Amino acid sequence: MKLVIVERTMPAPVTLEQLAGAASSGSSCFEAHRVRLLRSLLSLDGTRVLCEYEAPDAEAVRQANRKAGLTFDRVWTADVYEHHADTATQLR
């Protein structure tokens, strides 16, 4: 499985509760494509969102989001690095 990042620009500010509701309503679409939402980061002004997913690939995340009716700007795979003082450790 890959770590996949989704970038979203919201047309109007949203709350964490609205974000959670959208993720919940699309759960069957995510399950059908073997996509699991790990976490979402919401900008303080509520207009930008980064979502981290675990999925077979970026295309599975694109398809699941489209079927769930969730818009996005970009979708891309990523590696994770933990930064501690002067060292960096790859997590995946």
Protein backbone atom coordinates (compact mmCIF):
# COMPACT_ATOMS: atom_id res chain seq x y z
CA MET A 1 0.00 0.00 0.00
CA LYS A 2 1.08 3.55 -0.72
CA LEU A 3 0.72 6.79 1.17
CA VAL A 4 -1.33 9.15 -1.02
CA ILE A 5 -1.83 12.86 -0.42
CA VAL A 6 -4.89 14.78 -1.65
CA GLU A 7 -4.87 18.57 -1.83
CA ARG A 8 -8.20 20.39 -1.80
CA THR A 9 -9.18 24.04 -2.06
CA MET A 10 -12.63 24.62 -0.61
CA PRO A 11 -14.96 27.11 -2.35
CA ALA A 12 -16.12 28.31 1.09
CA PRO A 13 -14.64 27.75 4.54
CA VAL A 14 -15.47 24.40 6.17
CA THR A 15 -15.27 23.13 9.74
CA LEU A 16 -13.70 19.96 11.08
CA GLU A 17 -17.22 18.60 11.61
CA GLN A 18 -18.14 19.18 7.95
CA LEU A 19 -14.89 17.54 6.87
CA ALA A 20 -15.61 14.49 9.04
CA GLY A 21 -19.13 14.25 7.62
CA ALA A 22 -17.87 14.28 4.04
CA ALA A 23 -15.34 11.55 4.82
CA SER A 24 -18.01 9.45 6.50
CA SER A 25 -20.51 9.79 3.65
CA GLY A 26 -17.92 8.55 1.15
CA SER A 27 -16.81 5.53 3.17
CA SER A 28 -18.40 2.92 0.87
CA CYS A 29 -16.60 4.43 -2.16
CA PHE A 30 -13.30 4.32 -0.29
CA GLU A 31 -13.83 0.71 0.78
CA ALA A 32 -14.65 -0.34 -2.80
CA HIS A 33 -11.25 0.99 -3.97
CA ARG A 34 -9.32 -0.24 -0.89
CA VAL A 35 -8.68 3.34 0.20
CA ARG A 36 -8.35 4.24 3.89
CA LEU A 37 -8.33 7.82 5.17
CA LEU A 38 -5.56 8.25 7.73
CA ARG A 39 -5.96 11.92 8.62
CA SER A 40 -6.87 15.34 7.29
CA LEU A 41 -5.25 18.69 7.94
CA LEU A 42 -7.48 21.76 7.72
CA SER A 43 -6.04 25.26 7.36
CA LEU A 44 -7.05 27.70 10.08
CA ASP A 45 -9.14 29.68 7.60
CA GLY A 46 -11.01 26.50 6.57
CA THR A 47 -10.29 26.86 2.85
CA ARG A 48 -7.45 24.36 2.31
CA VAL A 49 -7.31 20.67 3.18
CA LEU A 50 -4.60 18.02 2.95
CA CYS A 51 -5.79 14.43 3.32
CA GLU A 52 -3.52 11.43 3.86
CA TYR A 53 -4.77 8.10 2.54
CA GLU A 54 -3.42 4.57 2.46
CA ALA A 55 -4.25 2.99 -0.89
CA PRO A 56 -2.93 0.72 -3.66
CA ASP A 57 -2.03 3.82 -5.73
CA ALA A 58 -2.98 7.43 -6.45
CA GLU A 59 -5.49 6.44 -9.13
CA ALA A 60 -7.53 4.42 -6.62
CA VAL A 61 -7.76 7.53 -4.43
CA ARG A 62 -8.80 9.69 -7.40
CA GLN A 63 -11.55 7.24 -8.37
CA ALA A 64 -12.84 6.87 -4.80
CA ASN A 65 -12.98 10.65 -4.30
CA ARG A 66 -14.76 11.20 -7.63
CA LYS A 67 -17.36 8.51 -6.85
CA ALA A 68 -17.87 10.04 -3.40
CA GLY A 69 -18.41 13.45 -5.00
CA LEU A 70 -15.35 14.96 -3.31
CA THR A 71 -13.42 17.49 -5.37
CA PHE A 72 -9.63 17.80 -5.27
CA ASP A 73 -6.83 19.85 -6.80
CA ARG A 74 -4.03 17.29 -6.79
CA VAL A 75 -3.38 13.68 -5.80
CA TRP A 76 0.13 12.28 -5.37
CA THR A 77 2.02 9.48 -3.64
CA ALA A 78 4.52 10.30 -0.91
CA ASP A 79 7.15 8.97 1.45
CA VAL A 80 7.17 9.95 5.14
CA TYR A 81 10.20 11.23 6.99
CA GLU A 82 10.39 11.96 10.71
CA HIS A 83 12.68 14.85 11.56
CA HIS A 84 14.42 14.86 14.94
CA ALA A 85 17.05 17.51 15.57
CA ASP A 86 19.65 16.99 12.82
CA THR A 87 18.51 13.55 11.65
CA ALA A 88 15.74 12.35 9.35
CA THR A 89 14.29 8.85 9.43
CA GLN A 90 12.20 7.33 6.66
CA LEU A 91 9.04 5.74 8.08
CA ARG A 92 7.86 3.89 4.98
